[in-house]
């Protein structure tokens, strides 16, 4: 009998079992986190946390599902990363407004040296400075100056919808609206006419089409959730470029724009679009700034950032890409969902048409007169209530605090479940139905139960522009065409499991001239 052979075999089995157990326990090392805080939530799986259930139910419904089980405040694990999820409006107000100094920054997201300079990713005074540079682009004065450019883009959109009406057939309308919003962003933000609406295969729209179809099971994202300590390594190795995808194309495009604008120069008579404002905010010699040189500037307040530092080339590039992509996608999707709701709610569409005819007559929509269309506002707001393009907001706690008796430790991510909030029957009695509210009902709305643009100082910077380009297109479309369902029109829509909300099978409608 080979006693020594058996002993070796047993030792191997024991070591293997110990290794597996160690690996399993290592993957559960954070999982007592919420129990210690007295916070309930779904049970996590070693290493994966709650990712399996998120994948099974989908991002578009899982937080609504969990709210029904665990209430308005509970804890989940994205991999081994703890997140407290909230859909309580008082708690949200504390996070976004009252205790903003404790929750100034968004949680870090996998990127690279350029994407980490975009305004969503920047922190503290860096974020505050960039916001002061970008904010003038979206003033009331600037919105009025953009009217003509937006109207020109809307005219082309109406020509394309007219062709759809003449064909008599249905079409997935997302690409048409994507081309429209791409043209608007290019004109208003960068002072260029790309006319992608007249070229259905325009590379700007083609490259942007799948830009936000990001899955948490992308290898780089998945690894960063399982092993957060590898994030810096992933970013330096270039693996994070699998997350960036076609952003690289837009960076090349924007670099060329920046270079051309610098060669032309920016003067006081030029339109104050986003790119011009950023180029003007640069300080000579600081186009590229080494971190060690930046430390020597002793930046103590925003005035110091403006007068001693300025904005760098890489920061301009990062903001250009963000505005191009986020501005294009969000408004295009909102117009797409609005069109679906008009097609499936003909009585609401007729009421909106009558308001437009009565209030505007033959006048073109502009920044001032669209404010006189309250039912249009209600239809837009209800579209964004049912289909919030960003289904969640997040903030990272930078200083421990207690909110409504719940302890929030430093570095914990607070995830605000916007979709769960918008579908909570406590605030919206029939959440699955499209019910544009009356002014009276709107005035009774509980604060922080409606967050399609976020809230507080870090709310969406481009909200005014998004609303204006939406309203101009909506008015012209409803005024000139009836929107009708087709045999391919889904009701309700099946939603895709993507980073930003989208219809899985497209939004199919047909148009008929009035």
Protein backbone atom coordinates (compact mmCIF):
# COMPACT_ATOMS: atom_id res chain seq x y z
CA UNK A 1 0.00 0.00 0.00
CA UNK A 2 1.42 3.36 -1.08
CA UNK A 3 0.89 5.34 2.09
CA UNK A 4 3.09 8.22 0.92
CA UNK A 5 1.19 8.46 -2.39
CA UNK A 6 -2.13 8.68 -0.57
CA UNK A 7 -0.69 11.27 1.77
CA UNK A 8 0.49 13.44 -1.13
CA UNK A 9 -2.93 13.14 -2.77
CA UNK A 10 -4.73 14.09 0.45
CA UNK A 11 -2.41 17.04 0.98
CA UNK A 12 -3.15 18.28 -2.53
CA UNK A 13 -6.90 18.01 -1.90
CA UNK A 14 -6.64 19.85 1.41
CA UNK A 15 -4.51 22.62 -0.11
CA UNK A 16 -6.92 22.90 -3.03
CA UNK A 17 -9.92 23.10 -0.69
CA UNK A 18 -8.14 25.73 1.42
CA UNK A 19 -7.33 27.77 -1.70
CA UNK A 20 -10.95 27.63 -2.88
CA UNK A 21 -12.20 28.57 0.59
CA UNK A 22 -9.71 31.45 0.79
CA UNK A 23 -10.79 32.68 -2.65
CA UNK A 24 -14.46 32.40 -1.64
CA UNK A 25 -13.96 34.25 1.67
CA UNK A 26 -11.84 36.93 -0.02
CA UNK A 27 -14.75 37.57 -2.37
CA UNK A 28 -17.03 38.06 0.63
CA UNK A 29 -14.69 40.27 2.64
CA UNK A 30 -16.94 43.36 2.42
CA UNK A 31 -20.29 41.64 2.70
CA UNK A 32 -20.87 42.43 6.38
CA UNK A 33 -20.64 46.13 5.49
CA UNK A 34 -24.38 46.89 5.47
CA UNK A 35 -25.22 44.57 8.37
CA UNK A 36 -22.87 46.62 10.53
CA UNK A 37 -24.71 49.77 9.43
CA UNK A 38 -28.11 48.19 10.08
CA UNK A 39 -29.11 48.45 6.42
CA UNK A 40 -31.11 45.68 4.71
CA UNK A 41 -30.69 44.47 1.13
CA UNK A 42 -30.46 41.49 -1.22
CA UNK A 43 -27.98 38.75 -0.34
CA UNK A 44 -24.70 39.01 -2.30
CA UNK A 45 -22.74 36.21 -3.96
CA UNK A 46 -18.99 35.87 -3.41
CA UNK A 47 -17.00 38.24 -5.68
CA UNK A 48 -20.07 39.02 -7.82
CA UNK A 49 -22.16 40.72 -5.17
CA UNK A 50 -25.63 41.31 -6.66
CA UNK A 51 -24.52 41.37 -10.31
CA UNK A 52 -26.25 38.07 -11.13
CA UNK A 53 -29.65 39.39 -10.09
CA UNK A 54 -28.99 42.68 -11.87
CA UNK A 55 -28.16 40.76 -15.05
CA UNK A 56 -31.21 38.51 -14.67
CA UNK A 57 -33.75 41.27 -14.03
CA UNK A 58 -31.98 44.05 -15.91
CA UNK A 59 -30.96 47.56 -14.91
CA UNK A 60 -34.31 48.90 -16.18
CA UNK A 61 -36.35 46.99 -13.59
CA UNK A 62 -34.12 45.61 -10.83
CA UNK A 63 -34.15 48.72 -8.63
CA UNK A 64 -37.93 49.00 -8.90
CA UNK A 65 -38.10 45.32 -7.91
CA UNK A 66 -35.79 45.77 -4.91
CA UNK A 67 -37.62 48.90 -3.76
CA UNK A 68 -40.80 46.80 -3.50
CA UNK A 69 -38.98 44.30 -1.23
CA UNK A 70 -36.54 46.40 0.81
CA UNK A 71 -38.12 49.86 0.77
CA UNK A 72 -36.62 53.25 -0.10
CA UNK A 73 -33.16 52.67 1.45
CA UNK A 74 -31.14 49.47 1.08
CA UNK A 75 -27.65 48.23 0.28
CA UNK A 76 -26.36 46.33 -2.77
CA UNK A 77 -22.95 45.20 -3.99
CA UNK A 78 -21.71 45.85 -7.52
CA UNK A 79 -19.06 43.18 -7.43
CA UNK A 80 -17.42 43.84 -4.07
CA UNK A 81 -18.26 47.56 -4.16
CA UNK A 82 -20.97 48.58 -1.64
CA UNK A 83 -23.66 51.01 -2.85
CA UNK A 84 -26.52 52.34 -0.76
CA UNK A 85 -29.58 52.74 -3.01
CA UNK A 86 -32.15 55.40 -2.14
CA UNK A 87 -35.53 56.46 -3.51
CA UNK A 88 -36.67 58.48 -0.51
CA UNK A 89 -37.16 62.15 -1.56
CA UNK A 90 -36.14 63.65 1.82
CA UNK A 91 -32.97 61.53 1.86
CA UNK A 92 -32.23 62.55 -1.75
CA UNK A 93 -32.65 66.24 -0.91
CA UNK A 94 -30.06 65.86 1.85
CA UNK A 95 -27.61 64.24 -0.59
CA UNK A 96 -28.08 66.65 -3.50
CA UNK A 97 -28.67 69.94 -1.66
CA UNK A 98 -28.47 70.20 2.12
CA UNK A 99 -25.34 68.10 2.58
CA UNK A 100 -23.86 68.75 -0.84
CA UNK A 101 -20.44 69.49 0.69
CA UNK A 102 -20.40 65.87 1.92
CA UNK A 103 -21.38 64.53 -1.52
CA UNK A 104 -19.71 66.89 -3.98
CA UNK A 105 -18.32 64.26 -6.32
CA UNK A 106 -19.63 61.45 -8.45
CA UNK A 107 -18.22 57.98 -7.92
CA UNK A 108 -15.13 57.17 -10.01
CA UNK A 109 -15.82 55.31 -13.25
CA UNK A 110 -13.37 53.35 -15.37
CA UNK A 111 -11.79 55.61 -18.00
CA UNK A 112 -8.44 56.97 -19.14
CA UNK A 113 -6.41 60.15 -18.82
CA UNK A 114 -8.81 62.08 -21.10
CA UNK A 115 -12.22 60.83 -19.98
CA UNK A 116 -11.21 61.38 -16.34
CA UNK A 117 -10.94 65.11 -17.16
CA UNK A 118 -14.55 65.37 -18.31
CA UNK A 119 -16.83 67.44 -16.07
CA UNK A 120 -18.81 64.37 -14.83
CA UNK A 121 -15.58 62.79 -13.49
CA UNK A 122 -13.77 65.83 -12.10
CA UNK A 123 -13.84 66.65 -8.39
CA UNK A 124 -14.07 69.50 -5.91
CA UNK A 125 -12.53 72.81 -7.11
CA UNK A 126 -11.55 71.26 -10.45
CA UNK A 127 -15.22 70.54 -11.16
CA UNK A 128 -16.32 73.97 -9.87
CA UNK A 129 -13.85 75.72 -12.17
CA UNK A 130 -14.87 73.76 -15.27
CA UNK A 131 -18.52 74.52 -14.53
CA UNK A 132 -17.81 78.27 -14.42
CA UNK A 133 -16.17 77.97 -17.85
CA UNK A 134 -19.03 75.99 -19.41
CA UNK A 135 -22.07 77.57 -17.71
CA UNK A 136 -22.23 80.78 -19.84
CA UNK A 137 -22.91 78.61 -22.90
CA UNK A 138 -26.36 77.83 -21.51
CA UNK A 139 -27.53 81.27 -20.33
CA UNK A 140 -30.93 82.67 -21.42
CA UNK A 141 -29.12 85.13 -23.69
CA UNK A 142 -27.22 82.30 -25.38
CA UNK A 143 -30.40 80.25 -25.81
CA UNK A 144 -32.00 83.13 -27.71
CA UNK A 145 -28.89 83.44 -29.87
CA UNK A 146 -29.18 79.73 -30.73
CA UNK A 147 -32.79 79.93 -31.98
CA UNK A 148 -31.92 80.36 -35.65
CA UNK A 149 -29.39 77.52 -35.65
CA UNK A 150 -31.82 75.12 -33.94
CA UNK A 151 -34.64 76.12 -36.28
CA UNK A 152 -32.45 75.44 -39.32
CA UNK A 153 -31.77 71.94 -38.03
CA UNK A 154 -35.48 71.42 -37.25
CA UNK A 155 -36.42 72.47 -40.81
CA UNK A 156 -34.23 69.69 -42.18
CA UNK A 157 -35.80 67.24 -39.73
CA UNK A 158 -39.27 68.20 -41.01
CA UNK A 159 -38.10 67.61 -44.60
CA UNK A 160 -37.00 64.10 -43.63
CA UNK A 161 -40.24 63.39 -41.76
CA UNK A 162 -42.12 64.65 -44.83
CA UNK A 163 -40.36 62.01 -46.92
CA UNK A 164 -41.41 59.35 -44.40
CA UNK A 165 -45.00 60.59 -44.65
CA UNK A 166 -44.91 60.40 -48.44
CA UNK A 167 -43.63 56.82 -48.31
CA UNK A 168 -46.62 55.81 -46.18
CA UNK A 169 -44.53 53.22 -44.37
CA UNK A 170 -43.36 52.96 -40.76
CA UNK A 171 -39.81 53.58 -39.62
CA UNK A 172 -37.68 53.36 -36.50
CA UNK A 173 -37.32 57.09 -35.80
CA UNK A 174 -34.30 57.07 -33.46
CA UNK A 175 -31.74 57.64 -36.23
CA UNK A 176 -33.64 60.66 -37.60
CA UNK A 177 -33.70 62.32 -34.20
CA UNK A 178 -30.07 61.36 -33.56
CA UNK A 179 -29.01 63.16 -36.75
CA UNK A 180 -31.08 66.21 -35.73
CA UNK A 181 -29.55 66.48 -32.25
CA UNK A 182 -26.07 65.86 -33.64
CA UNK A 183 -26.54 68.82 -36.00
CA UNK A 184 -27.85 70.99 -33.15
CA UNK A 185 -24.91 70.16 -30.86
CA UNK A 186 -22.40 70.78 -33.65
CA UNK A 187 -23.95 74.16 -34.50
CA UNK A 188 -24.65 75.50 -31.01
CA UNK A 189 -21.70 74.02 -29.16
CA UNK A 190 -18.98 74.27 -31.78
CA UNK A 191 -20.17 76.69 -34.46
CA UNK A 192 -19.96 74.13 -37.29
CA UNK A 193 -22.57 72.76 -39.69
CA UNK A 194 -22.15 69.02 -40.20
CA UNK A 195 -25.58 68.45 -41.84
CA UNK A 196 -25.69 64.80 -40.84
CA UNK A 197 -29.47 64.77 -41.44
CA UNK A 198 -28.95 64.93 -45.19
CA UNK A 199 -26.40 62.15 -45.04
CA UNK A 200 -27.91 59.10 -43.29
CA UNK A 201 -24.50 57.41 -43.24
CA UNK A 202 -22.70 60.38 -41.71
CA UNK A 203 -19.81 58.96 -39.63
CA UNK A 204 -20.64 61.22 -36.68
CA UNK A 205 -24.03 59.58 -36.25
CA UNK A 206 -22.80 56.11 -37.20
CA UNK A 207 -19.93 56.21 -34.70
CA UNK A 208 -22.15 57.64 -31.95
CA UNK A 209 -24.93 55.09 -32.47
CA UNK A 210 -23.58 52.43 -30.09
CA UNK A 211 -21.51 54.69 -27.86
CA UNK A 212 -23.59 54.11 -24.73
CA UNK A 213 -24.27 50.41 -25.22
CA UNK A 214 -22.00 49.53 -22.34
CA UNK A 215 -22.48 46.38 -20.26
CA UNK A 216 -21.27 45.79 -16.72
CA UNK A 217 -19.99 42.48 -18.12
CA UNK A 218 -17.53 44.24 -20.40
CA UNK A 219 -14.23 42.56 -19.35
CA UNK A 220 -12.62 45.78 -18.12
CA UNK A 221 -15.69 46.92 -16.14
CA UNK A 222 -16.32 43.44 -14.77
CA UNK A 223 -12.73 43.08 -13.55
CA UNK A 224 -12.83 46.54 -11.94
CA UNK A 225 -15.98 45.58 -10.01
CA UNK A 226 -14.52 42.28 -8.80
CA UNK A 227 -11.07 43.69 -8.00
CA UNK A 228 -11.28 47.48 -7.47
CA UNK A 229 -7.56 47.62 -6.75
CA UNK A 230 -6.89 46.82 -10.43
CA UNK A 231 -8.59 50.00 -11.77
CA UNK A 232 -5.37 52.01 -12.16
CA UNK A 233 -3.67 49.03 -13.81
CA UNK A 234 -6.60 48.59 -16.21
CA UNK A 235 -6.49 52.27 -17.14
CA UNK A 236 -2.72 52.29 -17.67
CA UNK A 237 -2.75 49.02 -19.64
CA UNK A 238 -5.16 50.43 -22.22
CA UNK A 239 -7.79 47.75 -21.47
CA UNK A 240 -10.21 50.56 -20.55
CA UNK A 241 -10.30 51.48 -24.25
CA UNK A 242 -12.75 48.61 -24.71
CA UNK A 243 -15.13 50.76 -22.66
CA UNK A 244 -14.36 53.95 -24.61
CA UNK A 245 -15.02 52.35 -28.00
CA UNK A 246 -15.94 54.97 -30.62
CA UNK A 247 -15.06 57.81 -28.28
CA UNK A 248 -11.62 57.61 -29.90
CA UNK A 249 -13.15 58.69 -33.23
CA UNK A 250 -14.79 61.69 -31.58
CA UNK A 251 -11.52 62.65 -29.91
CA UNK A 252 -9.78 62.83 -33.29
CA UNK A 253 -12.67 64.88 -34.68
CA UNK A 254 -12.64 67.26 -31.70
CA UNK A 255 -8.84 67.65 -31.73
CA UNK A 256 -9.09 68.91 -35.29
CA UNK A 257 -11.86 71.36 -34.31
CA UNK A 258 -9.82 72.70 -31.39
CA UNK A 259 -6.74 73.18 -33.57
CA UNK A 260 -8.72 74.94 -36.30
CA UNK A 261 -10.38 77.28 -33.77
CA UNK A 262 -7.02 78.18 -32.24
CA UNK A 263 -5.62 78.96 -35.67
CA UNK A 264 -8.57 81.24 -36.44
CA UNK A 265 -8.51 82.86 -33.00
CA UNK A 266 -11.47 83.88 -30.85
CA UNK A 267 -12.65 87.50 -30.58
CA UNK A 268 -15.50 89.33 -28.85
CA UNK A 269 -17.65 89.42 -32.00
CA UNK A 270 -17.72 85.64 -32.38
CA UNK A 271 -20.69 83.60 -31.12
CA UNK A 272 -20.00 82.45 -27.54
CA UNK A 273 -20.38 78.75 -28.17
CA UNK A 274 -18.86 76.12 -25.91
CA UNK A 275 -15.64 75.70 -27.87
CA UNK A 276 -14.98 79.45 -28.16
CA UNK A 277 -15.52 79.94 -24.42
CA UNK A 278 -13.08 77.16 -23.58
CA UNK A 279 -10.38 78.36 -25.98
CA UNK A 280 -10.75 81.86 -24.53
CA UNK A 281 -10.36 80.47 -20.99
CA UNK A 282 -6.86 79.16 -21.75
CA UNK A 283 -3.80 80.89 -20.35
CA UNK A 284 -0.72 81.13 -22.52
CA UNK A 285 1.85 78.50 -21.61
CA UNK A 286 -0.70 76.38 -19.71
CA UNK A 287 -2.09 74.45 -22.66
CA UNK A 288 -0.34 71.46 -21.11
CA UNK A 289 0.28 71.48 -17.39
CA UNK A 290 2.46 69.07 -15.44
CA UNK A 291 0.97 68.06 -12.05
CA UNK A 292 4.09 69.29 -10.26
CA UNK A 293 3.85 72.69 -11.98
CA UNK A 294 0.17 72.87 -11.02
CA UNK A 295 1.02 72.34 -7.33
CA UNK A 296 3.29 75.40 -7.44
CA UNK A 297 0.37 77.61 -8.55
CA UNK A 298 -1.21 77.39 -5.05
CA UNK A 299 -4.83 77.35 -6.20
CA UNK A 300 -6.93 78.41 -3.22
CA UNK A 301 -10.19 79.45 -4.90
CA UNK A 302 -11.97 79.57 -8.26
CA UNK A 303 -10.46 82.98 -9.06
CA UNK A 304 -7.01 81.39 -8.77
CA UNK A 305 -8.06 78.63 -11.14
CA UNK A 306 -9.24 81.23 -13.63
CA UNK A 307 -6.30 83.64 -13.38
CA UNK A 308 -3.37 81.35 -12.53
CA UNK A 309 -4.22 78.06 -14.20
CA UNK A 310 -6.84 78.22 -16.96
CA UNK A 311 -8.04 75.21 -18.91
CA UNK A 312 -5.69 72.76 -20.65
CA UNK A 313 -5.91 71.25 -24.13
CA UNK A 314 -6.80 67.83 -22.73
CA UNK A 315 -9.57 69.34 -20.60
CA UNK A 316 -11.03 71.14 -23.62
CA UNK A 317 -10.93 67.88 -25.53
CA UNK A 318 -12.66 65.96 -22.71
CA UNK A 319 -15.51 68.50 -22.46
CA UNK A 320 -15.97 68.55 -26.26
CA UNK A 321 -16.42 64.79 -26.38
CA UNK A 322 -18.81 64.77 -23.39
CA UNK A 323 -21.01 67.53 -24.84
CA UNK A 324 -21.07 65.92 -28.28
CA UNK A 325 -22.04 62.47 -27.04
CA UNK A 326 -24.18 63.11 -23.97
CA UNK A 327 -25.96 66.08 -25.57
CA UNK A 328 -26.70 64.17 -28.74
CA UNK A 329 -27.91 60.92 -27.17
CA UNK A 330 -30.12 62.18 -24.35
CA UNK A 331 -32.32 64.56 -26.38
CA UNK A 332 -32.55 62.18 -29.32
CA UNK A 333 -33.81 59.43 -27.01
CA UNK A 334 -36.33 61.76 -25.34
CA UNK A 335 -37.74 62.79 -28.73
CA UNK A 336 -37.92 59.12 -29.69
CA UNK A 337 -39.88 58.14 -26.57
CA UNK A 338 -42.12 61.23 -26.93
CA UNK A 339 -42.97 60.21 -30.50
CA UNK A 340 -43.91 56.73 -29.29
CA UNK A 341 -46.18 58.17 -26.60
CA UNK A 342 -47.86 60.50 -29.09
CA UNK A 343 -48.50 57.58 -31.48
CA UNK A 344 -50.02 55.43 -28.74
CA UNK A 345 -52.00 58.26 -27.09
CA UNK A 346 -53.80 60.00 -30.00
CA UNK A 347 -56.12 62.03 -27.75
CA UNK A 348 -53.09 63.58 -25.98
CA UNK A 349 -51.49 64.25 -29.36
CA UNK A 350 -54.63 66.06 -30.54
CA UNK A 351 -54.77 68.17 -27.38
CA UNK A 352 -51.13 69.20 -27.89
CA UNK A 353 -51.80 70.04 -31.54
CA UNK A 354 -54.70 72.28 -30.57
CA UNK A 355 -52.56 74.14 -28.01
CA UNK A 356 -49.80 74.75 -30.58
CA UNK A 357 -52.27 76.08 -33.18
CA UNK A 358 -54.10 78.27 -30.66
CA UNK A 359 -51.03 79.77 -28.98
CA UNK A 360 -48.44 79.98 -31.77
CA UNK A 361 -50.54 80.09 -34.91
CA UNK A 362 -48.01 80.25 -37.75
CA UNK A 363 -45.17 81.63 -35.59
CA UNK A 364 -41.98 79.61 -35.45
CA UNK A 365 -41.15 78.18 -32.00
CA UNK A 366 -38.37 80.00 -30.16
CA UNK A 367 -36.88 80.24 -26.67
CA UNK A 368 -39.52 82.75 -25.52
CA UNK A 369 -42.78 81.56 -27.05
CA UNK A 370 -42.38 77.87 -26.23
CA UNK A 371 -42.77 78.91 -22.59
CA UNK A 372 -46.39 79.70 -23.44
CA UNK A 373 -47.17 76.04 -24.17
CA UNK A 374 -47.95 74.49 -20.76
CA UNK A 375 -49.33 71.25 -22.19
CA UNK A 376 -46.15 70.74 -24.21
CA UNK A 377 -44.22 71.13 -20.96
CA UNK A 378 -46.44 68.54 -19.31
CA UNK A 379 -45.98 66.08 -22.19
CA UNK A 380 -42.21 66.55 -22.12
CA UNK A 381 -42.07 66.17 -18.34
CA UNK A 382 -44.22 63.04 -18.42
CA UNK A 383 -42.07 61.54 -21.18
CA UNK A 384 -39.00 62.07 -19.01
CA UNK A 385 -40.85 60.72 -15.98
CA UNK A 386 -41.66 57.46 -17.78
CA UNK A 387 -38.36 57.28 -19.67
CA UNK A 388 -35.58 59.00 -17.66
CA UNK A 389 -32.59 58.60 -19.97
CA UNK A 390 -30.21 58.33 -17.02
CA UNK A 391 -31.93 55.84 -14.72
CA UNK A 392 -29.67 56.52 -11.72
CA UNK A 393 -27.56 59.25 -10.15
CA UNK A 394 -24.59 58.57 -7.91
CA UNK A 395 -22.60 60.53 -5.37
CA UNK A 396 -19.60 59.46 -3.31
CA UNK A 397 -19.49 60.44 0.34
CA UNK A 398 -16.32 62.44 1.01
CA UNK A 399 -17.10 63.09 4.68
CA UNK A 400 -19.00 60.67 6.92
CA UNK A 401 -22.42 61.86 8.06
CA UNK A 402 -25.82 60.63 9.24
CA UNK A 403 -29.03 61.17 7.24
CA UNK A 404 -32.43 60.24 8.68
CA UNK A 405 -30.72 57.99 11.20
CA UNK A 406 -28.65 56.17 8.55
CA UNK A 407 -24.87 56.34 8.91
CA UNK A 408 -23.05 57.06 5.62
CA UNK A 409 -19.33 56.22 5.92
CA UNK A 410 -16.68 58.03 3.93
CA UNK A 411 -16.19 56.75 0.35
CA UNK A 412 -19.54 54.93 0.26
CA UNK A 413 -21.39 55.42 -3.03
CA UNK A 414 -24.99 56.60 -2.77
CA UNK A 415 -27.02 55.53 -5.81
CA UNK A 416 -30.25 57.44 -6.39
CA UNK A 417 -32.66 55.12 -8.21
CA UNK A 418 -34.39 57.63 -10.49
CA UNK A 419 -36.43 54.99 -12.33
CA UNK A 420 -37.71 53.49 -9.05
CA UNK A 421 -38.62 56.97 -7.83
CA UNK A 422 -40.47 57.84 -11.07
CA UNK A 423 -42.50 54.63 -10.88
CA UNK A 424 -43.34 54.74 -7.19
CA UNK A 425 -47.17 54.64 -6.81
CA UNK A 426 -46.83 56.77 -3.66
CA UNK A 427 -45.95 59.71 -5.91
CA UNK A 428 -47.45 58.64 -9.26
CA UNK A 429 -50.65 56.61 -8.66
CA UNK A 430 -50.66 55.03 -12.15
CA UNK A 431 -46.95 55.06 -13.02
CA UNK A 432 -47.22 52.84 -16.11
CA UNK A 433 -49.65 55.26 -17.80
CA UNK A 434 -48.82 58.40 -19.78
CA UNK A 435 -50.69 61.10 -17.85
CA UNK A 436 -49.48 64.65 -18.57
CA UNK A 437 -50.28 66.43 -15.30
CA UNK A 438 -52.37 69.51 -14.73
CA UNK A 439 -50.67 72.62 -13.38
CA UNK A 440 -52.47 72.02 -10.08
CA UNK A 441 -51.18 68.45 -9.80
CA UNK A 442 -47.69 69.61 -10.73
CA UNK A 443 -47.73 72.23 -7.98
CA UNK A 444 -48.51 69.48 -5.45
CA UNK A 445 -45.63 67.28 -6.61
CA UNK A 446 -43.36 66.30 -3.74
CA UNK A 447 -39.86 67.79 -4.24
CA UNK A 448 -37.14 65.36 -5.37
CA UNK A 449 -39.57 62.76 -6.73
CA UNK A 450 -38.79 63.87 -10.31
CA UNK A 451 -35.12 63.88 -11.33
CA UNK A 452 -34.61 63.40 -15.09
CA UNK A 453 -31.87 66.07 -15.10
CA UNK A 454 -30.52 65.30 -11.64
CA UNK A 455 -30.65 67.92 -8.91
CA UNK A 456 -28.53 70.32 -6.91
CA UNK A 457 -25.31 72.03 -8.05
CA UNK A 458 -24.27 69.02 -10.17
CA UNK A 459 -27.51 68.76 -12.10
CA UNK A 460 -27.36 68.61 -15.92
CA UNK A 461 -25.60 71.71 -17.23
CA UNK A 462 -27.22 71.46 -20.67
CA UNK A 463 -30.83 71.21 -19.45
CA UNK A 464 -31.96 74.48 -21.05
CA UNK A 465 -30.53 73.56 -24.43
CA UNK A 466 -31.97 70.04 -24.24
CA UNK A 467 -35.44 71.39 -23.50
CA UNK A 468 -35.26 74.02 -26.23
CA UNK A 469 -34.15 71.66 -28.99
CA UNK A 470 -36.77 69.14 -27.85
CA UNK A 471 -39.58 71.71 -27.91
CA UNK A 472 -38.66 73.22 -31.28
CA UNK A 473 -38.66 69.77 -32.90
CA UNK A 474 -41.82 68.64 -31.07
CA UNK A 475 -43.80 71.77 -32.04
CA UNK A 476 -42.85 71.54 -35.71
CA UNK A 477 -43.52 67.80 -35.84
CA UNK A 478 -46.95 67.90 -34.14
CA UNK A 479 -47.98 71.02 -36.07
CA UNK A 480 -47.27 69.46 -39.46
CA UNK A 481 -47.82 65.71 -39.02
CA UNK A 482 -50.00 63.15 -37.32
CA UNK A 483 -47.94 60.45 -35.62
CA UNK A 484 -49.49 57.00 -36.01
CA UNK A 485 -48.63 53.50 -34.75
CA UNK A 486 -47.65 50.69 -37.12
CA UNK A 487 -47.81 46.91 -36.88
CA UNK A 488 -44.26 47.05 -35.43
CA UNK A 489 -45.15 49.55 -32.70
CA UNK A 490 -44.67 47.96 -29.28
CA UNK A 491 -46.94 48.99 -26.43
CA UNK A 492 -45.44 48.87 -23.88
CA UNK A 493 -41.92 49.23 -25.22
CA UNK A 494 -39.32 46.58 -24.48
CA UNK A 495 -36.29 48.38 -23.07
CA UNK A 496 -32.67 47.50 -23.75
CA UNK A 497 -30.22 46.80 -20.92
CA UNK A 498 -27.88 49.66 -21.77
CA UNK A 499 -26.05 52.39 -19.86
CA UNK A 500 -28.58 54.97 -21.03
CA UNK A 501 -32.24 54.08 -21.53
CA UNK A 502 -33.14 52.88 -25.05
CA UNK A 503 -35.81 50.81 -26.80
CA UNK A 504 -34.53 47.29 -27.48
CA UNK A 505 -36.30 46.87 -30.83
CA UNK A 506 -36.49 50.52 -31.83
CA UNK A 507 -39.48 52.88 -31.87
CA UNK A 508 -41.62 52.34 -34.96
CA UNK A 509 -44.20 54.91 -36.10
CA UNK A 510 -45.48 56.41 -39.33
CA UNK A 511 -46.35 60.00 -40.22
CA UNK A 512 -49.27 61.54 -42.05
CA UNK A 513 -49.41 65.18 -43.16
CA UNK A 514 -52.08 67.27 -41.48
